[in-house]
């Protein structure tokens, strides 16, 4: 059974939304002082969400950095306070 393009797009959109929710939760955790650093790994769409995550982090004093895989894809994001204490 072949998967339609619309089905693949819907699955990809849900995955992006889920990964964004995870990263935004990690940003909130670090910004509120619950953790000094969080790594969100195993991201399928890390490259696509990086700029938005960095902007969201910047707005609340958190740095979001890409962690690159061997195939030069963003597979994880490191979230930490912009000015470590």
PDB file of N, CA and C in Angstrom:
ATOM      1  N   UNK A   1       0.834  -1.175   0.000  1.00  0.00           N
ATOM      2  CA  UNK A   1       0.000   0.000   0.000  1.00  0.00           C
ATOM      3  C   UNK A   1       0.883   1.243   0.000  1.00  0.00           C
ATOM      4  N   UNK A   2       0.681   2.088  -0.964  1.00  0.00           N
ATOM      5  CA  UNK A   2       1.465   3.314  -1.059  1.00  0.00           C
ATOM      6  C   UNK A   2       0.858   4.392  -0.165  1.00  0.00           C
ATOM      7  N   UNK A   3       1.751   5.184   0.410  1.00  0.00           N
ATOM      8  CA  UNK A   3       1.318   6.295   1.245  1.00  0.00           C
ATOM      9  C   UNK A   3       1.179   7.528   0.367  1.00  0.00           C
ATOM     10  N   UNK A   4       0.061   8.207   0.483  1.00  0.00           N
ATOM     11  CA  UNK A   4      -0.149   9.392  -0.344  1.00  0.00           C
ATOM     12  C   UNK A   4       0.735  10.540   0.138  1.00  0.00           C
ATOM     13  N   UNK A   5       0.960  11.465  -0.750  1.00  0.00           N
ATOM     14  CA  UNK A   5       1.759  12.646  -0.418  1.00  0.00           C
ATOM     15  C   UNK A   5       1.096  13.429   0.713  1.00  0.00           C
ATOM     16  N   UNK A   6      -0.204  13.538   0.700  1.00  0.00           N
ATOM     17  CA  UNK A   6      -0.914  14.266   1.753  1.00  0.00           C
ATOM     18  C   UNK A   6      -0.714  13.594   3.110  1.00  0.00           C
ATOM     19  N   UNK A   7      -0.714  12.272   3.142  1.00  0.00           N
ATOM     20  CA  UNK A   7      -0.507  11.545   4.391  1.00  0.00           C
ATOM     21  C   UNK A   7       0.911  11.772   4.900  1.00  0.00           C
ATOM     22  N   UNK A   8       1.887  11.697   4.000  1.00  0.00           N
ATOM     23  CA  UNK A   8       3.279  11.939   4.397  1.00  0.00           C
ATOM     24  C   UNK A   8       3.457  13.357   4.920  1.00  0.00           C
ATOM     25  N   UNK A   9       2.825  14.329   4.259  1.00  0.00           N
ATOM     26  CA  UNK A   9       2.914  15.719   4.707  1.00  0.00           C
ATOM     27  C   UNK A   9       2.286  15.889   6.089  1.00  0.00           C
ATOM     28  N   UNK A  10       1.169  15.226   6.326  1.00  0.00           N
ATOM     29  CA  UNK A  10       0.498  15.322   7.627  1.00  0.00           C
ATOM     30  C   UNK A  10       1.365  14.703   8.727  1.00  0.00           C
ATOM     31  N   UNK A  11       1.997  13.580   8.442  1.00  0.00           N
ATOM     32  CA  UNK A  11       2.880  12.930   9.419  1.00  0.00           C
ATOM     33  C   UNK A  11       4.083  13.827   9.698  1.00  0.00           C
ATOM     34  N   UNK A  12       4.657  14.408   8.660  1.00  0.00           N
ATOM     35  CA  UNK A  12       5.806  15.299   8.840  1.00  0.00           C
ATOM     36  C   UNK A  12       5.410  16.522   9.669  1.00  0.00           C
ATOM     37  N   UNK A  13       4.243  17.087   9.403  1.00  0.00           N
ATOM     38  CA  UNK A  13       3.779  18.262  10.142  1.00  0.00           C
ATOM     39  C   UNK A  13       3.589  17.933  11.628  1.00  0.00           C
ATOM     40  N   UNK A  14       3.006  16.765  11.908  1.00  0.00           N
ATOM     41  CA  UNK A  14       2.827  16.343  13.308  1.00  0.00           C
ATOM     42  C   UNK A  14       4.178  16.146  13.995  1.00  0.00           C
ATOM     43  N   UNK A  15       5.130  15.602  13.261  1.00  0.00           N
ATOM     44  CA  UNK A  15       6.465  15.391  13.824  1.00  0.00           C
ATOM     45  C   UNK A  15       7.134  16.727  14.126  1.00  0.00           C
ATOM     46  N   UNK A  16       7.044  17.661  13.204  1.00  0.00           N
ATOM     47  CA  UNK A  16       7.611  18.993  13.436  1.00  0.00           C
ATOM     48  C   UNK A  16       6.945  19.638  14.647  1.00  0.00           C
ATOM     49  N   UNK A  17       5.624  19.563  14.717  1.00  0.00           N
ATOM     50  CA  UNK A  17       4.896  20.145  15.852  1.00  0.00           C
ATOM     51  C   UNK A  17       5.327  19.515  17.176  1.00  0.00           C
ATOM     52  N   UNK A  18       5.502  18.196  17.180  1.00  0.00           N
ATOM     53  CA  UNK A  18       5.924  17.491  18.401  1.00  0.00           C
ATOM     54  C   UNK A  18       7.343  17.905  18.796  1.00  0.00           C
ATOM     55  N   UNK A  19       8.247  17.984  17.828  1.00  0.00           N
ATOM     56  CA  UNK A  19       9.613  18.392  18.120  1.00  0.00           C
ATOM     57  C   UNK A  19       9.667  19.843  18.604  1.00  0.00           C
ATOM     58  N   UNK A  20       8.870  20.717  18.019  1.00  0.00           N
ATOM     59  CA  UNK A  20       8.801  22.099  18.490  1.00  0.00           C
ATOM     60  C   UNK A  20       8.302  22.162  19.931  1.00  0.00           C
ATOM     61  N   UNK A  21       7.307  21.371  20.265  1.00  0.00           N
ATOM     62  CA  UNK A  21       6.774  21.357  21.629  1.00  0.00           C
ATOM     63  C   UNK A  21       7.841  20.891  22.617  1.00  0.00           C
ATOM     64  N   UNK A  22       8.608  19.891  22.251  1.00  0.00           N
ATOM     65  CA  UNK A  22       9.684  19.395  23.113  1.00  0.00           C
ATOM     66  C   UNK A  22      10.733  20.476  23.330  1.00  0.00           C
ATOM     67  N   UNK A  23      11.156  21.126  22.249  1.00  0.00           N
ATOM     68  CA  UNK A  23      12.196  22.152  22.339  1.00  0.00           C
ATOM     69  C   UNK A  23      11.686  23.356  23.127  1.00  0.00           C
ATOM     70  N   UNK A  24      10.462  23.784  22.893  1.00  0.00           N
ATOM     71  CA  UNK A  24       9.914  24.925  23.634  1.00  0.00           C
ATOM     72  C   UNK A  24       9.760  24.588  25.116  1.00  0.00           C
ATOM     73  N   UNK A  25       9.425  23.354  25.424  1.00  0.00           N
ATOM     74  CA  UNK A  25       9.383  22.932  26.822  1.00  0.00           C
ATOM     75  C   UNK A  25      10.756  22.978  27.468  1.00  0.00           C
ATOM     76  N   UNK A  26      11.774  22.564  26.727  1.00  0.00           N
ATOM     77  CA  UNK A  26      13.144  22.608  27.246  1.00  0.00           C
ATOM     78  C   UNK A  26      13.603  24.051  27.439  1.00  0.00           C
ATOM     79  N   UNK A  27      13.234  24.928  26.514  1.00  0.00           N
ATOM     80  CA  UNK A  27      13.573  26.346  26.651  1.00  0.00           C
ATOM     81  C   UNK A  27      12.927  26.903  27.915  1.00  0.00           C
ATOM     82  N   UNK A  28      11.668  26.591  28.143  1.00  0.00           N
ATOM     83  CA  UNK A  28      10.970  27.071  29.348  1.00  0.00           C
ATOM     84  C   UNK A  28      11.629  26.519  30.608  1.00  0.00           C
ATOM     85  N   UNK A  29      12.004  25.254  30.599  1.00  0.00           N
ATOM     86  CA  UNK A  29      12.640  24.634  31.755  1.00  0.00           C
ATOM     87  C   UNK A  29      13.936  25.355  32.125  1.00  0.00           C
ATOM     88  N   UNK A  30      14.767  25.631  31.127  1.00  0.00           N
ATOM     89  CA  UNK A  30      16.034  26.312  31.376  1.00  0.00           C
ATOM     90  C   UNK A  30      15.791  27.771  31.767  1.00  0.00           C
ATOM     91  N   UNK A  31      14.886  28.442  31.087  1.00  0.00           N
ATOM     92  CA  UNK A  31      14.613  29.853  31.378  1.00  0.00           C
ATOM     93  C   UNK A  31      14.094  30.046  32.797  1.00  0.00           C
ATOM     94  N   UNK A  32      13.328  29.089  33.291  1.00  0.00           N
ATOM     95  CA  UNK A  32      12.752  29.189  34.635  1.00  0.00           C
ATOM     96  C   UNK A  32      13.692  28.681  35.726  1.00  0.00           C
ATOM     97  N   UNK A  33      14.873  28.205  35.327  1.00  0.00           N
ATOM     98  CA  UNK A  33      15.859  27.757  36.307  1.00  0.00           C
ATOM     99  C   UNK A  33      15.715  26.314  36.751  1.00  0.00           C
ATOM    100  N   UNK A  34      14.852  25.550  36.100  1.00  0.00           N
ATOM    101  CA  UNK A  34      14.664  24.152  36.463  1.00  0.00           C
ATOM    102  C   UNK A  34      15.828  23.264  36.060  1.00  0.00           C
ATOM    103  N   UNK A  35      16.627  23.731  35.128  1.00  0.00           N
ATOM    104  CA  UNK A  35      17.811  23.003  34.678  1.00  0.00           C
ATOM    105  C   UNK A  35      18.780  24.014  34.079  1.00  0.00           C
ATOM    106  N   UNK A  36      20.057  23.735  34.171  1.00  0.00           N
ATOM    107  CA  UNK A  36      21.030  24.652  33.580  1.00  0.00           C
ATOM    108  C   UNK A  36      21.275  24.338  32.106  1.00  0.00           C
ATOM    109  N   UNK A  37      21.018  23.097  31.708  1.00  0.00           N
ATOM    110  CA  UNK A  37      21.215  22.700  30.316  1.00  0.00           C
ATOM    111  C   UNK A  37      20.330  21.498  30.005  1.00  0.00           C
ATOM    112  N   UNK A  38      19.745  21.508  28.812  1.00  0.00           N
ATOM    113  CA  UNK A  38      18.930  20.392  28.338  1.00  0.00           C
ATOM    114  C   UNK A  38      19.352  20.096  26.906  1.00  0.00           C
ATOM    115  N   UNK A  39      19.485  18.831  26.573  1.00  0.00           N
ATOM    116  CA  UNK A  39      19.753  18.431  25.202  1.00  0.00           C
ATOM    117  C   UNK A  39      18.540  17.685  24.668  1.00  0.00           C
ATOM    118  N   UNK A  40      18.021  18.168  23.555  1.00  0.00           N
ATOM    119  CA  UNK A  40      16.901  17.507  22.880  1.00  0.00           C
ATOM    120  C   UNK A  40      17.499  16.751  21.697  1.00  0.00           C
ATOM    121  N   UNK A  41      17.535  15.440  21.785  1.00  0.00           N
ATOM    122  CA  UNK A  41      18.177  14.630  20.760  1.00  0.00           C
ATOM    123  C   UNK A  41      17.208  13.849  19.910  1.00  0.00           C
ATOM    124  N   UNK A  42      17.724  13.250  18.861  1.00  0.00           N
ATOM    125  CA  UNK A  42      16.930  12.412  17.982  1.00  0.00           C
ATOM    126  C   UNK A  42      15.931  13.182  17.149  1.00  0.00           C
ATOM    127  N   UNK A  43      16.246  14.428  16.833  1.00  0.00           N
ATOM    128  CA  UNK A  43      15.319  15.265  16.072  1.00  0.00           C
ATOM    129  C   UNK A  43      15.407  14.948  14.585  1.00  0.00           C
ATOM    130  N   UNK A  44      14.264  14.735  13.978  1.00  0.00           N
ATOM    131  CA  UNK A  44      14.233  14.497  12.534  1.00  0.00           C
ATOM    132  C   UNK A  44      14.246  15.807  11.762  1.00  0.00           C
ATOM    133  N   UNK A  45      13.706  16.870  12.376  1.00  0.00           N
ATOM    134  CA  UNK A  45      13.572  18.147  11.686  1.00  0.00           C
ATOM    135  C   UNK A  45      14.348  19.251  12.403  1.00  0.00           C
ATOM    136  N   UNK A  46      15.471  18.896  13.010  1.00  0.00           N
ATOM    137  CA  UNK A  46      16.267  19.854  13.760  1.00  0.00           C
ATOM    138  C   UNK A  46      16.709  21.046  12.929  1.00  0.00           C
ATOM    139  N   UNK A  47      17.112  20.809  11.697  1.00  0.00           N
ATOM    140  CA  UNK A  47      17.558  21.904  10.832  1.00  0.00           C
ATOM    141  C   UNK A  47      16.426  22.885  10.552  1.00  0.00           C
ATOM    142  N   UNK A  48      15.225  22.362  10.381  1.00  0.00           N
ATOM    143  CA  UNK A  48      14.084  23.204  10.044  1.00  0.00           C
ATOM    144  C   UNK A  48      13.584  24.017  11.232  1.00  0.00           C
ATOM    145  N   UNK A  49      13.756  23.522  12.445  1.00  0.00           N
ATOM    146  CA  UNK A  49      13.236  24.239  13.609  1.00  0.00           C
ATOM    147  C   UNK A  49      14.304  25.054  14.327  1.00  0.00           C
ATOM    148  N   UNK A  50      15.550  24.973  13.892  1.00  0.00           N
ATOM    149  CA  UNK A  50      16.653  25.625  14.586  1.00  0.00           C
ATOM    150  C   UNK A  50      16.459  27.137  14.709  1.00  0.00           C
ATOM    151  N   UNK A  51      16.206  27.830  13.613  1.00  0.00           N
ATOM    152  CA  UNK A  51      16.108  29.300  13.650  1.00  0.00           C
ATOM    153  C   UNK A  51      14.979  29.754  14.568  1.00  0.00           C
ATOM    154  N   UNK A  52      13.831  29.112  14.488  1.00  0.00           N
ATOM    155  CA  UNK A  52      12.714  29.475  15.355  1.00  0.00           C
ATOM    156  C   UNK A  52      13.013  29.201  16.819  1.00  0.00           C
ATOM    157  N   UNK A  53      13.694  28.106  17.087  1.00  0.00           N
ATOM    158  CA  UNK A  53      14.064  27.770  18.465  1.00  0.00           C
ATOM    159  C   UNK A  53      15.078  28.778  19.006  1.00  0.00           C
ATOM    160  N   UNK A  54      16.027  29.174  18.175  1.00  0.00           N
ATOM    161  CA  UNK A  54      17.008  30.165  18.607  1.00  0.00           C
ATOM    162  C   UNK A  54      16.336  31.500  18.918  1.00  0.00           C
ATOM    163  N   UNK A  55      15.386  31.898  18.107  1.00  0.00           N
ATOM    164  CA  UNK A  55      14.665  33.153  18.352  1.00  0.00           C
ATOM    165  C   UNK A  55      13.856  33.068  19.645  1.00  0.00           C
ATOM    166  N   UNK A  56      13.185  31.945  19.855  1.00  0.00           N
ATOM    167  CA  UNK A  56      12.398  31.768  21.084  1.00  0.00           C
ATOM    168  C   UNK A  56      13.307  31.769  22.307  1.00  0.00           C
ATOM    169  N   UNK A  57      14.444  31.135  22.208  1.00  0.00           N
ATOM    170  CA  UNK A  57      15.387  31.110  23.313  1.00  0.00           C
ATOM    171  C   UNK A  57      15.955  32.482  23.607  1.00  0.00           C
ATOM    172  N   UNK A  58      16.307  33.196  22.573  1.00  0.00           N
ATOM    173  CA  UNK A  58      16.871  34.535  22.740  1.00  0.00           C
ATOM    174  C   UNK A  58      15.907  35.441  23.497  1.00  0.00           C
ATOM    175  N   UNK A  59      14.618  35.311  23.211  1.00  0.00           N
ATOM    176  CA  UNK A  59      13.607  36.147  23.851  1.00  0.00           C
ATOM    177  C   UNK A  59      13.545  35.955  25.364  1.00  0.00           C
ATOM    178  N   UNK A  60      14.031  34.811  25.868  1.00  0.00           N
ATOM    179  CA  UNK A  60      13.954  34.577  27.316  1.00  0.00           C
ATOM    180  C   UNK A  60      15.322  34.268  27.934  1.00  0.00           C
ATOM    181  N   UNK A  61      16.399  34.716  27.281  1.00  0.00           N
ATOM    182  CA  UNK A  61      17.731  34.600  27.856  1.00  0.00           C
ATOM    183  C   UNK A  61      18.336  33.212  27.803  1.00  0.00           C
ATOM    184  N   UNK A  62      17.948  32.452  26.802  1.00  0.00           N
ATOM    185  CA  UNK A  62      18.418  31.074  26.654  1.00  0.00           C
ATOM    186  C   UNK A  62      19.088  30.930  25.296  1.00  0.00           C
ATOM    187  N   UNK A  63      20.224  30.232  25.266  1.00  0.00           N
ATOM    188  CA  UNK A  63      20.936  29.977  24.016  1.00  0.00           C
ATOM    189  C   UNK A  63      20.564  28.585  23.505  1.00  0.00           C
ATOM    190  N   UNK A  64      20.241  28.499  22.220  1.00  0.00           N
ATOM    191  CA  UNK A  64      19.935  27.222  21.578  1.00  0.00           C
ATOM    192  C   UNK A  64      21.012  26.979  20.529  1.00  0.00           C
ATOM    193  N   UNK A  65      21.734  25.863  20.662  1.00  0.00           N
ATOM    194  CA  UNK A  65      22.837  25.541  19.757  1.00  0.00           C
ATOM    195  C   UNK A  65      22.567  24.215  19.059  1.00  0.00           C
ATOM    196  N   UNK A  66      22.980  24.156  17.807  1.00  0.00           N
ATOM    197  CA  UNK A  66      22.836  22.921  17.032  1.00  0.00           C
ATOM    198  C   UNK A  66      23.942  21.946  17.396  1.00  0.00           C
ATOM    199  N   UNK A  67      23.590  20.688  17.500  1.00  0.00           N
ATOM    200  CA  UNK A  67      24.551  19.599  17.650  1.00  0.00           C
ATOM    201  C   UNK A  67      24.452  18.783  16.370  1.00  0.00           C
ATOM    202  N   UNK A  68      25.515  18.762  15.621  1.00  0.00           N
ATOM    203  CA  UNK A  68      25.510  18.169  14.284  1.00  0.00           C
ATOM    204  C   UNK A  68      25.838  16.680  14.328  1.00  0.00           C
ATOM    205  N   UNK A  69      25.197  15.931  13.460  1.00  0.00           N
ATOM    206  CA  UNK A  69      25.496  14.513  13.323  1.00  0.00           C
ATOM    207  C   UNK A  69      26.616  14.347  12.290  1.00  0.00           C
ATOM    208  N   UNK A  70      27.088  13.135  12.135  1.00  0.00           N
ATOM    209  CA  UNK A  70      28.171  12.873  11.183  1.00  0.00           C
ATOM    210  C   UNK A  70      27.778  13.181   9.747  1.00  0.00           C
ATOM    211  N   UNK A  71      26.492  13.059   9.432  1.00  0.00           N
ATOM    212  CA  UNK A  71      26.048  13.363   8.068  1.00  0.00           C
ATOM    213  C   UNK A  71      25.666  14.834   7.899  1.00  0.00           C
ATOM    214  N   UNK A  72      26.130  15.669   8.845  1.00  0.00           N
ATOM    215  CA  UNK A  72      25.978  17.117   8.800  1.00  0.00           C
ATOM    216  C   UNK A  72      24.534  17.594   8.868  1.00  0.00           C
ATOM    217  N   UNK A  73      23.699  16.826   9.564  1.00  0.00           N
ATOM    218  CA  UNK A  73      22.327  17.245   9.837  1.00  0.00           C
ATOM    219  C   UNK A  73      22.249  17.629  11.305  1.00  0.00           C
ATOM    220  N   UNK A  74      21.344  18.554  11.615  1.00  0.00           N
ATOM    221  CA  UNK A  74      21.109  18.905  13.013  1.00  0.00           C
ATOM    222  C   UNK A  74      20.249  17.795  13.593  1.00  0.00           C
ATOM    223  N   UNK A  75      20.843  16.998  14.470  1.00  0.00           N
ATOM    224  CA  UNK A  75      20.089  15.883  15.042  1.00  0.00           C
ATOM    225  C   UNK A  75      19.719  16.141  16.493  1.00  0.00           C
ATOM    226  N   UNK A  76      20.282  17.215  17.069  1.00  0.00           N
ATOM    227  CA  UNK A  76      19.983  17.545  18.458  1.00  0.00           C
ATOM    228  C   UNK A  76      20.185  19.036  18.666  1.00  0.00           C
ATOM    229  N   UNK A  77      19.517  19.536  19.692  1.00  0.00           N
ATOM    230  CA  UNK A  77      19.672  20.938  20.080  1.00  0.00           C
ATOM    231  C   UNK A  77      20.063  20.989  21.551  1.00  0.00           C
ATOM    232  N   UNK A  78      21.054  21.818  21.865  1.00  0.00           N
ATOM    233  CA  UNK A  78      21.450  22.040  23.251  1.00  0.00           C
ATOM    234  C   UNK A  78      20.851  23.368  23.675  1.00  0.00           C
ATOM    235  N   UNK A  79      20.182  23.353  24.803  1.00  0.00           N
ATOM    236  CA  UNK A  79      19.537  24.549  25.336  1.00  0.00           C
ATOM    237  C   UNK A  79      20.199  24.859  26.675  1.00  0.00           C
ATOM    238  N   UNK A  80      20.723  26.089  26.826  1.00  0.00           N
ATOM    239  CA  UNK A  80      21.368  26.478  28.076  1.00  0.00           C
ATOM    240  C   UNK A  80      21.198  27.976  28.294  1.00  0.00           C
ATOM    241  N   UNK A  81      21.406  28.391  29.524  1.00  0.00           N
ATOM    242  CA  UNK A  81      21.291  29.820  29.837  1.00  0.00           C
ATOM    243  C   UNK A  81      22.292  30.604  29.016  1.00  0.00           C
ATOM    244  N   UNK A  82      21.878  31.761  28.542  1.00  0.00           N
ATOM    245  CA  UNK A  82      22.753  32.596  27.709  1.00  0.00           C
ATOM    246  C   UNK A  82      23.917  33.141  28.543  1.00  0.00           C
ATOM    247  N   UNK A  83      23.673  33.420  29.819  1.00  0.00           N
ATOM    248  CA  UNK A  83      24.757  33.849  30.698  1.00  0.00           C
ATOM    249  C   UNK A  83      24.788  32.887  31.887  1.00  0.00           C
ATOM    250  N   UNK A  84      25.610  31.823  31.782  1.00  0.00           N
ATOM    251  CA  UNK A  84      25.662  30.820  32.839  1.00  0.00           C
ATOM    252  C   UNK A  84      26.057  31.434  34.177  1.00  0.00           C
ATOM    253  N   UNK A  85      25.421  30.939  35.232  1.00  0.00           N
ATOM    254  CA  UNK A  85      25.706  31.464  36.575  1.00  0.00           C
ATOM    255  C   UNK A  85      26.437  30.451  37.386  1.00  0.00           C
TER     256      UNK A  85
END
